[in-house]
Amino acid sequence: MSVTRAPIAIALDTNEINTAKEWATLTSPQISTMKLGLEFFTRFGISGVSDVMELAHGAQLFLDLKLHDIPNTVAGAASSVAGLAPTYLTVHASGGAAMISAAAQALPQTRITAVTVLTSLAPDDLARMGFPSDISMLVKSLAISAVDAGARAIVCSPQEVGMLREVLPREIHLLTPGVRPAGSAQDDQERVSTPAEAFAHGADLVVIGRPITSLWNPHSPHLMSEGLAEIISGLE
C-alpha cells in the first residue's frame, strides 16, 4: 500500500475555511481523498469547496452532502455541484430507487454513494424509530436496492463491510466511516473498527476525521503529519 496516497478520506469537518485549506495542504500528499460535508458546504458553498480542493494536490473530492428529497430536487442538487467534479457524492439510501437513479443520471461521471445506516446509530436507536433492529440485514437490503438503482458506491460501517463485499459487485466501492485507530476515542460513533480491520474486510476507502484533525496545531503542523504517518504505517 502506497504511503504517498493511502486510501484514506480525511473528514475536513470545520467551519473555518482557512483551517480546511491548511488541513488539505498538509495531508493530501499522503492520502487519496478530501471529504467535505454539510457543516462546511452550508457555510462556504461551491466556491469554498473549490478553494480547498485547489490546495489538495489533485486528491479526490468526497462531497458528503447526504442528499435526501424527492427525485427532482435531488437531481437538481446533484447537477448544481457538477462543476466540482466530485468523485463521490452521498445520498441517503433510504431515499429510494427513484431518487438514487435521478442523482446517478444527473452526475453520470460521479460515483453516487448511498449511505445505508449512519455509524452513530445502534440497534436500540433503530428500534425506537420503527426500523428493524438487525442492522446488518437493514444495511444489506438498502445497499442492494441502491446499487440496483444506479449507486456506484456504498457507505456502511466497518462492521458490515465484509458482508457487503460478498454480495455486491467488486466494482462497487465500499466506504467506511466509524474508523478509529487503536487507542483512539470512539466519540459519537457506535459501530467502529480500526483502519486495518476495515481494509481486511473489503473496504475501498476509510474515512478518518478527529483522530487526525484533533492533532492540528498551527504552530506545530508536524504533529498532524506525524500522526497521519503513524496511521498509514498501520495499514502496511
C-alpha atoms as a PDB file:
ATOM      1  CA  MET A   1       0.000   0.000   0.000  1.00  0.00           C
ATOM      2  CA  SER A   2       1.467   3.358  -1.022  1.00  0.00           C
ATOM      3  CA  VAL A   3       2.330   5.696   1.811  1.00  0.00           C
ATOM      4  CA  THR A   4       2.018   8.666  -0.547  1.00  0.00           C
ATOM      5  CA  ARG A   5      -1.601   8.130  -1.455  1.00  0.00           C
ATOM      6  CA  ALA A   6      -3.146   5.873   1.139  1.00  0.00           C
ATOM      7  CA  PRO A   7      -6.863   5.088   0.560  1.00  0.00           C
ATOM      8  CA  ILE A   8      -7.962   7.383   3.371  1.00  0.00           C
ATOM      9  CA  ALA A   9     -10.515  10.196   3.193  1.00  0.00           C
ATOM     10  CA  ILE A  10      -9.849  12.872   5.769  1.00  0.00           C
ATOM     11  CA  ALA A  11     -13.051  14.402   7.116  1.00  0.00           C
ATOM     12  CA  LEU A  12     -12.446  18.157   6.888  1.00  0.00           C
ATOM     13  CA  ASP A  13     -15.160  18.873   9.438  1.00  0.00           C
ATOM     14  CA  THR A  14     -14.652  22.521  10.273  1.00  0.00           C
ATOM     15  CA  ASN A  15     -16.457  25.815   9.766  1.00  0.00           C
ATOM     16  CA  GLU A  16     -13.161  27.659   9.311  1.00  0.00           C
ATOM     17  CA  ILE A  17     -12.135  27.768   5.655  1.00  0.00           C
ATOM     18  CA  ASN A  18      -8.502  28.606   6.368  1.00  0.00           C
ATOM     19  CA  THR A  19      -8.267  25.603   8.663  1.00  0.00           C
ATOM     20  CA  ALA A  20      -9.733  23.343   5.961  1.00  0.00           C
ATOM     21  CA  LYS A  21      -7.210  24.703   3.466  1.00  0.00           C
ATOM     22  CA  GLU A  22      -4.327  24.039   5.835  1.00  0.00           C
ATOM     23  CA  TRP A  23      -5.515  20.517   6.572  1.00  0.00           C
ATOM     24  CA  ALA A  24      -5.916  19.769   2.856  1.00  0.00           C
ATOM     25  CA  THR A  25      -2.490  21.172   2.013  1.00  0.00           C
ATOM     26  CA  LEU A  26      -0.821  19.201   4.790  1.00  0.00           C
ATOM     27  CA  THR A  27      -2.492  15.810   4.348  1.00  0.00           C
ATOM     28  CA  SER A  28      -3.234  15.451   0.642  1.00  0.00           C
ATOM     29  CA  PRO A  29       0.285  14.407  -0.374  1.00  0.00           C
ATOM     30  CA  GLN A  30      -0.167  11.321   1.821  1.00  0.00           C
ATOM     31  CA  ILE A  31      -3.808  10.335   1.281  1.00  0.00           C
ATOM     32  CA  SER A  32      -6.145   9.982  -1.673  1.00  0.00           C
ATOM     33  CA  THR A  33      -9.310  11.850  -0.718  1.00  0.00           C
ATOM     34  CA  MET A  34     -10.674  15.010   0.866  1.00  0.00           C
ATOM     35  CA  LYS A  35     -14.132  14.691   2.430  1.00  0.00           C
ATOM     36  CA  LEU A  36     -16.108  17.909   2.731  1.00  0.00           C
ATOM     37  CA  GLY A  37     -19.518  17.671   4.316  1.00  0.00           C
ATOM     38  CA  LEU A  38     -22.606  19.534   5.324  1.00  0.00           C
ATOM     39  CA  GLU A  39     -21.058  21.707   8.017  1.00  0.00           C
ATOM     40  CA  PHE A  40     -18.539  23.136   5.567  1.00  0.00           C
ATOM     41  CA  PHE A  41     -20.802  23.257   2.500  1.00  0.00           C
ATOM     42  CA  THR A  42     -23.663  25.126   4.141  1.00  0.00           C
ATOM     43  CA  ARG A  43     -21.280  27.874   5.176  1.00  0.00           C
ATOM     44  CA  PHE A  44     -18.921  28.175   2.198  1.00  0.00           C
ATOM     45  CA  GLY A  45     -20.786  26.545  -0.687  1.00  0.00           C
ATOM     46  CA  ILE A  46     -19.352  25.539  -4.042  1.00  0.00           C
ATOM     47  CA  SER A  47     -16.712  28.265  -4.083  1.00  0.00           C
ATOM     48  CA  GLY A  48     -15.394  27.209  -0.679  1.00  0.00           C
ATOM     49  CA  VAL A  49     -15.081  23.590  -1.741  1.00  0.00           C
ATOM     50  CA  SER A  50     -13.311  24.674  -4.918  1.00  0.00           C
ATOM     51  CA  ASP A  51     -10.864  26.829  -2.937  1.00  0.00           C
ATOM     52  CA  VAL A  52      -9.944  23.929  -0.665  1.00  0.00           C
ATOM     53  CA  MET A  53      -9.542  21.445  -3.495  1.00  0.00           C
ATOM     54  CA  GLU A  54      -7.174  23.775  -5.331  1.00  0.00           C
ATOM     55  CA  LEU A  55      -4.736  23.128  -2.481  1.00  0.00           C
ATOM     56  CA  ALA A  56      -5.303  19.371  -2.309  1.00  0.00           C
ATOM     57  CA  HIS A  57      -2.578  18.218  -4.704  1.00  0.00           C
ATOM     58  CA  GLY A  58      -5.030  16.520  -7.068  1.00  0.00           C
ATOM     59  CA  ALA A  59      -6.770  14.480  -4.373  1.00  0.00           C
ATOM     60  CA  GLN A  60     -10.250  13.128  -4.983  1.00  0.00           C
ATOM     61  CA  LEU A  61     -13.276  15.028  -3.694  1.00  0.00           C
ATOM     62  CA  PHE A  62     -15.733  13.152  -1.491  1.00  0.00           C
ATOM     63  CA  LEU A  63     -18.685  15.548  -1.271  1.00  0.00           C
ATOM     64  CA  ASP A  64     -20.644  14.271   1.693  1.00  0.00           C
ATOM     65  CA  LEU A  65     -23.994  16.094   1.473  1.00  0.00           C
ATOM     66  CA  LYS A  66     -26.237  13.081   2.179  1.00  0.00           C
ATOM     67  CA  LEU A  67     -28.997  14.319  -0.125  1.00  0.00           C
ATOM     68  CA  HIS A  68     -32.473  13.077   0.733  1.00  0.00           C
ATOM     69  CA  ASP A  69     -35.500  14.585  -1.014  1.00  0.00           C
ATOM     70  CA  ILE A  70     -37.859  13.955  -3.896  1.00  0.00           C
ATOM     71  CA  PRO A  71     -36.102  12.771  -7.076  1.00  0.00           C
ATOM     72  CA  ASN A  72     -36.446  16.047  -8.972  1.00  0.00           C
ATOM     73  CA  THR A  73     -34.951  18.064  -6.119  1.00  0.00           C
ATOM     74  CA  VAL A  74     -32.047  15.656  -5.637  1.00  0.00           C
ATOM     75  CA  ALA A  75     -31.345  15.674  -9.384  1.00  0.00           C
ATOM     76  CA  GLY A  76     -31.199  19.456  -9.298  1.00  0.00           C
ATOM     77  CA  ALA A  77     -28.933  19.485  -6.264  1.00  0.00           C
ATOM     78  CA  ALA A  78     -26.604  16.955  -7.876  1.00  0.00           C
ATOM     79  CA  SER A  79     -26.477  18.963 -11.091  1.00  0.00           C
ATOM     80  CA  SER A  80     -25.616  22.103  -9.128  1.00  0.00           C
ATOM     81  CA  VAL A  81     -22.308  20.609  -7.951  1.00  0.00           C
ATOM     82  CA  ALA A  82     -21.294  19.173 -11.319  1.00  0.00           C
ATOM     83  CA  GLY A  83     -18.598  21.825 -11.731  1.00  0.00           C
ATOM     84  CA  LEU A  84     -16.774  20.432  -8.704  1.00  0.00           C
ATOM     85  CA  ALA A  85     -16.482  17.036 -10.437  1.00  0.00           C
ATOM     86  CA  PRO A  86     -16.743  15.089  -7.170  1.00  0.00           C
ATOM     87  CA  THR A  87     -15.510  11.534  -7.233  1.00  0.00           C
ATOM     88  CA  TYR A  88     -18.157  10.666  -4.642  1.00  0.00           C
ATOM     89  CA  LEU A  89     -21.455  12.383  -3.788  1.00  0.00           C
ATOM     90  CA  THR A  90     -23.543  10.951  -0.963  1.00  0.00           C
ATOM     91  CA  VAL A  91     -27.295  10.436  -0.930  1.00  0.00           C
ATOM     92  CA  HIS A  92     -29.345   8.559   1.643  1.00  0.00           C
ATOM     93  CA  ALA A  93     -30.129   5.014   0.528  1.00  0.00           C
ATOM     94  CA  SER A  94     -33.462   5.322   2.329  1.00  0.00           C
ATOM     95  CA  GLY A  95     -34.492   7.974  -0.201  1.00  0.00           C
ATOM     96  CA  GLY A  96     -35.484   5.182  -2.551  1.00  0.00           C
ATOM     97  CA  ALA A  97     -34.667   3.900  -6.004  1.00  0.00           C
ATOM     98  CA  ALA A  98     -36.151   6.780  -7.987  1.00  0.00           C
ATOM     99  CA  MET A  99     -34.193   9.358  -6.003  1.00  0.00           C
ATOM    100  CA  ILE A 100     -30.896   7.478  -6.368  1.00  0.00           C
ATOM    101  CA  SER A 101     -31.497   6.943 -10.067  1.00  0.00           C
ATOM    102  CA  ALA A 102     -32.177  10.661 -10.537  1.00  0.00           C
ATOM    103  CA  ALA A 103     -28.884  11.555  -8.858  1.00  0.00           C
ATOM    104  CA  ALA A 104     -26.967   9.000 -10.941  1.00  0.00           C
ATOM    105  CA  GLN A 105     -28.445  10.348 -14.168  1.00  0.00           C
ATOM    106  CA  ALA A 106     -27.678  13.938 -13.172  1.00  0.00           C
ATOM    107  CA  LEU A 107     -23.996  13.172 -12.438  1.00  0.00           C
ATOM    108  CA  PRO A 108     -23.009  10.176 -14.575  1.00  0.00           C
ATOM    109  CA  GLN A 109     -19.256  10.725 -14.061  1.00  0.00           C
ATOM    110  CA  THR A 110     -19.599  10.754 -10.272  1.00  0.00           C
ATOM    111  CA  ARG A 111     -19.942   7.703  -8.075  1.00  0.00           C
ATOM    112  CA  ILE A 112     -23.287   8.342  -6.440  1.00  0.00           C
ATOM    113  CA  THR A 113     -22.695   6.983  -2.965  1.00  0.00           C
ATOM    114  CA  ALA A 114     -25.604   5.621  -0.958  1.00  0.00           C
ATOM    115  CA  VAL A 115     -25.422   5.967   2.814  1.00  0.00           C
ATOM    116  CA  THR A 116     -27.051   2.948   4.443  1.00  0.00           C
ATOM    117  CA  VAL A 117     -27.250   3.287   8.249  1.00  0.00           C
ATOM    118  CA  LEU A 118     -25.354   6.075   9.983  1.00  0.00           C
ATOM    119  CA  THR A 119     -22.447   4.825  12.090  1.00  0.00           C
ATOM    120  CA  SER A 120     -23.767   6.853  15.030  1.00  0.00           C
ATOM    121  CA  LEU A 121     -26.847   4.603  15.253  1.00  0.00           C
ATOM    122  CA  ALA A 122     -27.112   1.479  17.392  1.00  0.00           C
ATOM    123  CA  PRO A 123     -29.844  -1.212  17.270  1.00  0.00           C
ATOM    124  CA  ASP A 124     -31.830   0.475  20.056  1.00  0.00           C
ATOM    125  CA  ASP A 125     -31.900   3.724  18.083  1.00  0.00           C
ATOM    126  CA  LEU A 126     -33.328   1.964  15.044  1.00  0.00           C
ATOM    127  CA  ALA A 127     -35.942   0.165  17.114  1.00  0.00           C
ATOM    128  CA  ARG A 128     -37.150   3.449  18.610  1.00  0.00           C
ATOM    129  CA  MET A 129     -37.592   4.833  15.101  1.00  0.00           C
ATOM    130  CA  GLY A 130     -39.570   1.823  13.953  1.00  0.00           C
ATOM    131  CA  PHE A 131     -36.829   0.267  11.805  1.00  0.00           C
ATOM    132  CA  PRO A 132     -35.677  -3.347  12.067  1.00  0.00           C
ATOM    133  CA  SER A 133     -33.053  -3.552  14.808  1.00  0.00           C
ATOM    134  CA  ASP A 134     -30.976  -6.046  12.803  1.00  0.00           C
ATOM    135  CA  ILE A 135     -28.525  -3.518  11.385  1.00  0.00           C
ATOM    136  CA  SER A 136     -26.734  -5.968   9.110  1.00  0.00           C
ATOM    137  CA  MET A 137     -29.905  -7.008   7.323  1.00  0.00           C
ATOM    138  CA  LEU A 138     -31.087  -3.409   7.002  1.00  0.00           C
ATOM    139  CA  VAL A 139     -27.720  -2.318   5.579  1.00  0.00           C
ATOM    140  CA  LYS A 140     -27.731  -5.231   3.147  1.00  0.00           C
ATOM    141  CA  SER A 141     -31.201  -4.529   1.788  1.00  0.00           C
ATOM    142  CA  LEU A 142     -30.570  -0.782   1.463  1.00  0.00           C
ATOM    143  CA  ALA A 143     -27.245  -1.354  -0.290  1.00  0.00           C
ATOM    144  CA  ILE A 144     -28.572  -3.873  -2.804  1.00  0.00           C
ATOM    145  CA  SER A 145     -31.542  -1.651  -3.625  1.00  0.00           C
ATOM    146  CA  ALA A 146     -29.280   1.390  -4.049  1.00  0.00           C
ATOM    147  CA  VAL A 147     -26.867  -0.403  -6.374  1.00  0.00           C
ATOM    148  CA  ASP A 148     -29.765  -1.693  -8.455  1.00  0.00           C
ATOM    149  CA  ALA A 149     -30.902   1.943  -8.786  1.00  0.00           C
ATOM    150  CA  GLY A 150     -27.538   3.190 -10.025  1.00  0.00           C
ATOM    151  CA  ALA A 151     -25.381   3.873  -6.962  1.00  0.00           C
ATOM    152  CA  ARG A 152     -21.729   3.017  -7.576  1.00  0.00           C
ATOM    153  CA  ALA A 153     -20.527   3.290  -4.011  1.00  0.00           C
ATOM    154  CA  ILE A 154     -21.939   2.450  -0.593  1.00  0.00           C
ATOM    155  CA  VAL A 155     -21.284   3.893   2.847  1.00  0.00           C
ATOM    156  CA  CYS A 156     -21.530   1.409   5.690  1.00  0.00           C
ATOM    157  CA  SER A 157     -19.804   0.847   9.000  1.00  0.00           C
ATOM    158  CA  PRO A 158     -16.694  -1.355   9.153  1.00  0.00           C
ATOM    159  CA  GLN A 159     -18.831  -3.978  10.870  1.00  0.00           C
ATOM    160  CA  GLU A 160     -20.968  -4.503   7.744  1.00  0.00           C
ATOM    161  CA  VAL A 161     -18.364  -4.057   5.018  1.00  0.00           C
ATOM    162  CA  GLY A 162     -17.360  -7.721   4.895  1.00  0.00           C
ATOM    163  CA  MET A 163     -20.957  -8.814   4.375  1.00  0.00           C
ATOM    164  CA  LEU A 164     -21.473  -6.287   1.561  1.00  0.00           C
ATOM    165  CA  ARG A 165     -18.223  -7.247  -0.142  1.00  0.00           C
ATOM    166  CA  GLU A 166     -19.650 -10.757  -0.505  1.00  0.00           C
ATOM    167  CA  VAL A 167     -22.954  -9.711  -2.079  1.00  0.00           C
ATOM    168  CA  LEU A 168     -22.117  -6.638  -4.196  1.00  0.00           C
ATOM    169  CA  PRO A 169     -20.141  -6.486  -7.450  1.00  0.00           C
ATOM    170  CA  ARG A 170     -16.446  -5.767  -6.964  1.00  0.00           C
ATOM    171  CA  GLU A 171     -16.673  -2.524  -8.936  1.00  0.00           C
ATOM    172  CA  ILE A 172     -18.918  -1.059  -6.238  1.00  0.00           C
ATOM    173  CA  HIS A 173     -16.749   0.956  -3.867  1.00  0.00           C
ATOM    174  CA  LEU A 174     -17.313   0.439  -0.151  1.00  0.00           C
ATOM    175  CA  LEU A 175     -16.599   3.471   2.029  1.00  0.00           C
ATOM    176  CA  THR A 176     -16.387   3.118   5.783  1.00  0.00           C
ATOM    177  CA  PRO A 177     -16.666   5.908   8.333  1.00  0.00           C
ATOM    178  CA  GLY A 178     -16.547   4.990  12.000  1.00  0.00           C
ATOM    179  CA  VAL A 179     -12.877   4.072  11.646  1.00  0.00           C
ATOM    180  CA  ARG A 180     -10.711   4.648  14.673  1.00  0.00           C
ATOM    181  CA  PRO A 181      -7.020   3.782  15.033  1.00  0.00           C
ATOM    182  CA  ALA A 182      -6.310   1.550  18.033  1.00  0.00           C
ATOM    183  CA  GLY A 183      -6.441   3.581  21.225  1.00  0.00           C
ATOM    184  CA  SER A 184      -8.470   6.460  19.759  1.00  0.00           C
ATOM    185  CA  ALA A 185     -11.642   7.737  21.415  1.00  0.00           C
ATOM    186  CA  GLN A 186     -14.879   6.353  19.972  1.00  0.00           C
ATOM    187  CA  ASP A 187     -16.532   9.806  20.171  1.00  0.00           C
ATOM    188  CA  ASP A 188     -20.135   9.676  18.851  1.00  0.00           C
ATOM    189  CA  GLN A 189     -19.569   6.578  16.716  1.00  0.00           C
ATOM    190  CA  GLU A 190     -21.274   3.320  17.680  1.00  0.00           C
ATOM    191  CA  ARG A 191     -20.096   0.793  15.087  1.00  0.00           C
ATOM    192  CA  VAL A 192     -16.341   1.134  14.735  1.00  0.00           C
ATOM    193  CA  SER A 193     -13.133  -0.717  13.896  1.00  0.00           C
ATOM    194  CA  THR A 194      -9.506   0.051  13.137  1.00  0.00           C
ATOM    195  CA  PRO A 195      -8.450   1.039   9.588  1.00  0.00           C
ATOM    196  CA  ALA A 196      -6.557  -2.235   9.135  1.00  0.00           C
ATOM    197  CA  GLU A 197      -9.650  -4.244  10.112  1.00  0.00           C
ATOM    198  CA  ALA A 198     -11.835  -2.276   7.698  1.00  0.00           C
ATOM    199  CA  PHE A 199      -9.475  -2.940   4.788  1.00  0.00           C
ATOM    200  CA  ALA A 200      -9.116  -6.588   5.732  1.00  0.00           C
ATOM    201  CA  HIS A 201     -12.883  -6.964   5.416  1.00  0.00           C
ATOM    202  CA  GLY A 202     -13.007  -5.350   1.977  1.00  0.00           C
ATOM    203  CA  ALA A 203     -13.260  -1.561   2.352  1.00  0.00           C
ATOM    204  CA  ASP A 204     -12.009   0.517  -0.573  1.00  0.00           C
ATOM    205  CA  LEU A 205     -11.764   3.789   1.327  1.00  0.00           C
ATOM    206  CA  VAL A 206     -11.827   4.588   5.046  1.00  0.00           C
ATOM    207  CA  VAL A 207     -12.973   7.917   6.452  1.00  0.00           C
ATOM    208  CA  ILE A 208     -10.980   9.297   9.369  1.00  0.00           C
ATOM    209  CA  GLY A 209     -11.612  12.692  10.917  1.00  0.00           C
ATOM    210  CA  ARG A 210     -10.981  13.574  14.518  1.00  0.00           C
ATOM    211  CA  PRO A 211      -8.130  11.086  15.126  1.00  0.00           C
ATOM    212  CA  ILE A 212      -6.212  13.157  12.553  1.00  0.00           C
ATOM    213  CA  THR A 213      -7.657  16.658  12.822  1.00  0.00           C
ATOM    214  CA  SER A 214      -7.521  16.752  16.632  1.00  0.00           C
ATOM    215  CA  LEU A 215      -3.727  16.713  16.285  1.00  0.00           C
ATOM    216  CA  TRP A 216      -3.764  20.033  14.447  1.00  0.00           C
ATOM    217  CA  ASN A 217      -1.653  22.796  15.931  1.00  0.00           C
ATOM    218  CA  PRO A 218      -0.929  25.710  13.578  1.00  0.00           C
ATOM    219  CA  HIS A 219       2.322  26.336  15.429  1.00  0.00           C
ATOM    220  CA  SER A 220       3.415  22.678  15.170  1.00  0.00           C
ATOM    221  CA  PRO A 221       1.908  21.252  11.958  1.00  0.00           C
ATOM    222  CA  HIS A 222       4.377  18.377  12.056  1.00  0.00           C
ATOM    223  CA  LEU A 223       2.305  16.796  14.838  1.00  0.00           C
ATOM    224  CA  MET A 224      -0.587  16.214  12.446  1.00  0.00           C
ATOM    225  CA  SER A 225       1.730  14.908   9.727  1.00  0.00           C
ATOM    226  CA  GLU A 226       3.393  12.522  12.152  1.00  0.00           C
ATOM    227  CA  GLY A 227       0.045  11.274  13.455  1.00  0.00           C
ATOM    228  CA  LEU A 228      -1.196  10.632   9.934  1.00  0.00           C
ATOM    229  CA  ALA A 229       2.030   8.863   9.021  1.00  0.00           C
ATOM    230  CA  GLU A 230       1.582   6.585  12.041  1.00  0.00           C
ATOM    231  CA  ILE A 231      -1.954   5.720  10.948  1.00  0.00           C
ATOM    232  CA  ILE A 232      -0.764   4.961   7.421  1.00  0.00           C
ATOM    233  CA  SER A 233       2.064   2.793   8.694  1.00  0.00           C
ATOM    234  CA  GLY A 234      -0.511   0.659  10.480  1.00  0.00           C
ATOM    235  CA  LEU A 235      -2.070  -0.244   7.129  1.00  0.00           C
ATOM    236  CA  GLU A 236       1.026  -1.870   5.688  1.00  0.00           C
END
